[in-house]
Amino acid sequence: MSKTLVAYFSVSGVTKKLSEKISIATGADLYEIKPEDSYTKEDLNWNNKNSRSSIEMNDPNSRPSIADKVNNFEEYDVIFVGFPIWWYIAPTIINTFIESYDFSGKTVVTFCTSGGSGFGNSDKILKVCCDHSVNWISGKRFSAGATIENIREWVTGLGL
């Protein structure tokens, strides 16, 4: 029997709420990708070129540190990875997360939250961080109002 994990990064709480719904819909364990140094409102000011998020997102090699590790990661067969869209891609802390584990032979399903932006190049960029033996399922963007029913429909359509 496969074991599923929903790993997510959320600052405003929107991605967290969606991740909790995905966890309920799939019976998955939940893991929050917490930065070692939490983001402040100032850090997220995309209008300020010197804000922390602007600096990170303008540097493709940026890898913000994560506060802790997933226990027993090797036990999971399917990992949903969720994040908000920043600058039309996943925040670089998601790269840190993916590069921190061996995803060989696992299925990765991405999902994101956004007020209007799509996935952009998120999947293309993140997939490069993984071993080629990963079964990568390209993501879906959800709005804040996604329901458990919407999520169950999506998950059923994945054929996991």
Protein backbone atom coordinates (compact mmCIF):
# COMPACT_ATOMS: atom_id res chain seq x y z
CA MET A 1 0.00 0.00 0.00
CA SER A 2 1.44 3.36 -0.97
CA LYS A 3 2.03 6.10 1.55
CA THR A 4 1.37 9.73 0.61
CA LEU A 5 2.78 13.03 1.85
CA VAL A 6 1.57 16.56 1.22
CA ALA A 7 4.54 18.91 1.63
CA TYR A 8 3.79 22.61 1.32
CA PHE A 9 5.22 26.08 1.75
CA SER A 10 2.83 28.84 2.78
CA VAL A 11 3.34 32.34 4.08
CA SER A 12 -0.15 33.86 4.00
CA GLY A 13 -2.03 30.67 4.89
CA VAL A 14 -3.75 30.12 1.53
CA THR A 15 -1.48 27.26 0.44
CA LYS A 16 -1.66 25.80 3.95
CA LYS A 17 -5.47 25.61 3.82
CA LEU A 18 -5.38 24.00 0.38
CA SER A 19 -2.72 21.52 1.53
CA GLU A 20 -4.85 20.53 4.51
CA LYS A 21 -7.76 19.84 2.13
CA ILE A 22 -5.53 17.74 -0.14
CA SER A 23 -4.33 15.82 2.91
CA ILE A 24 -7.93 15.08 3.93
CA ALA A 25 -8.95 14.15 0.38
CA THR A 26 -6.03 11.74 -0.05
CA GLY A 27 -5.49 10.49 3.50
CA ALA A 28 -1.94 11.83 3.27
CA ASP A 29 0.43 12.95 5.99
CA LEU A 30 1.08 16.69 6.10
CA TYR A 31 4.46 18.46 6.28
CA GLU A 32 5.00 22.21 6.28
CA ILE A 33 8.17 23.42 4.58
CA LYS A 34 9.17 26.07 7.12
CA PRO A 35 12.05 28.41 6.37
CA GLU A 36 14.79 28.58 8.97
CA ASP A 37 14.15 32.34 9.03
CA SER A 38 10.45 33.17 8.73
CA TYR A 39 9.36 35.70 6.14
CA THR A 40 8.07 39.05 7.34
CA LYS A 41 5.62 41.27 5.48
CA GLU A 42 8.61 43.46 4.49
CA ASP A 43 10.44 40.39 3.12
CA LEU A 44 7.52 39.73 0.76
CA ASN A 45 7.28 43.24 -0.71
CA TRP A 46 7.71 42.47 -4.40
CA ASN A 47 7.75 46.21 -5.16
CA ASN A 48 11.02 46.54 -3.22
CA LYS A 49 13.92 45.21 -5.29
CA ASN A 50 15.90 44.80 -2.05
CA SER A 51 13.28 42.74 -0.21
CA ARG A 52 14.29 39.22 0.75
CA SER A 53 11.83 37.58 -1.65
CA SER A 54 12.90 39.82 -4.55
CA ILE A 55 16.56 39.01 -3.98
CA GLU A 56 15.84 35.25 -3.71
CA MET A 57 13.62 35.15 -6.77
CA ASN A 58 16.12 37.10 -8.87
CA ASP A 59 18.84 34.56 -8.06
CA PRO A 60 18.13 31.13 -9.61
CA ASN A 61 20.78 29.64 -7.29
CA SER A 62 19.09 30.92 -4.12
CA ARG A 63 18.30 28.09 -1.70
CA PRO A 64 16.71 29.37 1.53
CA SER A 65 17.33 27.01 4.45
CA ILE A 66 14.52 24.84 5.78
CA ALA A 67 14.00 24.57 9.55
CA ASP A 68 13.51 20.79 9.80
CA LYS A 69 13.36 17.52 7.87
CA VAL A 70 10.57 15.13 6.90
CA ASN A 71 10.70 12.10 9.18
CA ASN A 72 10.94 8.78 7.33
CA PHE A 73 10.85 10.38 3.87
CA GLU A 74 11.89 7.08 2.29
CA GLU A 75 8.52 5.56 3.32
CA TYR A 76 6.52 7.84 1.02
CA ASP A 77 5.66 6.75 -2.52
CA VAL A 78 3.65 9.81 -3.57
CA ILE A 79 4.58 13.36 -2.60
CA PHE A 80 2.33 16.31 -3.35
CA VAL A 81 4.42 19.50 -3.31
CA GLY A 82 2.53 22.77 -2.88
CA PHE A 83 3.50 26.41 -2.98
CA PRO A 84 2.30 29.91 -3.81
CA ILE A 85 3.42 31.35 -7.14
CA TRP A 86 6.06 34.06 -6.75
CA TRP A 87 7.28 35.91 -9.83
CA TYR A 88 5.48 33.34 -12.03
CA ILE A 89 7.39 30.37 -10.54
CA ALA A 90 7.73 28.39 -7.31
CA PRO A 91 9.61 30.12 -4.46
CA THR A 92 13.23 28.96 -4.35
CA ILE A 93 12.66 27.26 -0.98
CA ILE A 94 10.82 24.59 -3.00
CA ASN A 95 14.06 23.91 -4.88
CA THR A 96 15.76 23.55 -1.48
CA PHE A 97 13.13 21.02 -0.43
CA ILE A 98 13.35 18.93 -3.58
CA GLU A 99 17.15 18.95 -3.58
CA SER A 100 17.19 17.82 0.08
CA TYR A 101 15.70 14.37 -0.53
CA ASP A 102 16.08 11.35 -2.78
CA PHE A 103 12.92 11.22 -4.88
CA SER A 104 14.10 8.22 -6.95
CA GLY A 105 11.18 6.00 -7.93
CA LYS A 106 8.62 8.27 -6.26
CA THR A 107 5.66 10.10 -7.78
CA VAL A 108 5.72 13.88 -7.38
CA VAL A 109 2.55 15.90 -7.94
CA THR A 110 2.88 19.67 -7.81
CA PHE A 111 0.13 22.14 -6.99
CA CYS A 112 0.08 25.86 -6.38
CA THR A 113 -2.04 28.73 -5.25
CA SER A 114 -2.22 32.03 -7.02
CA GLY A 115 -4.61 34.90 -7.36
CA GLY A 116 -4.24 34.83 -11.12
CA SER A 117 -0.81 33.71 -12.30
CA GLY A 118 -0.41 30.25 -13.74
CA PHE A 119 2.34 27.72 -13.07
CA GLY A 120 4.76 29.45 -15.41
CA ASN A 121 7.98 27.41 -15.64
CA SER A 122 7.67 25.98 -12.12
CA ASP A 123 7.45 22.33 -13.15
CA LYS A 124 10.24 22.65 -15.71
CA ILE A 125 12.57 24.27 -13.16
CA LEU A 126 11.71 21.94 -10.27
CA LYS A 127 11.83 18.71 -12.27
CA VAL A 128 15.52 19.38 -13.04
CA CYS A 129 16.18 19.17 -9.27
CA CYS A 130 15.06 15.51 -9.23
CA ASP A 131 16.44 12.19 -10.38
CA HIS A 132 15.18 11.08 -13.80
CA SER A 133 13.43 8.05 -12.27
CA VAL A 134 10.80 10.32 -10.69
CA ASN A 135 7.25 10.04 -12.00
CA TRP A 136 6.57 13.78 -12.26
CA ILE A 137 2.95 14.86 -12.60
CA SER A 138 2.67 18.47 -13.65
CA GLY A 139 0.74 20.64 -11.34
CA LYS A 140 -2.53 22.39 -11.05
CA ARG A 141 -3.23 25.91 -9.87
CA PHE A 142 -5.99 26.33 -7.32
CA SER A 143 -7.73 29.44 -6.11
CA ALA A 144 -8.27 30.06 -2.41
CA GLY A 145 -11.87 28.85 -2.73
CA ALA A 146 -11.08 25.30 -3.89
CA THR A 147 -13.36 22.76 -2.22
CA ILE A 148 -12.66 19.21 -1.06
CA GLU A 149 -14.90 18.06 -3.93
CA ASN A 150 -12.75 19.98 -6.48
CA ILE A 151 -9.65 18.39 -4.98
CA ARG A 152 -11.09 14.86 -4.93
CA GLU A 153 -12.03 15.24 -8.62
CA TRP A 154 -8.51 16.36 -9.46
CA VAL A 155 -6.85 13.60 -7.42
CA THR A 156 -9.13 10.93 -8.96
CA GLY A 157 -8.14 12.19 -12.41
CA LEU A 158 -4.46 11.69 -11.60
CA GLY A 159 -4.88 7.91 -11.58
CA LEU A 160 -2.56 7.37 -8.62
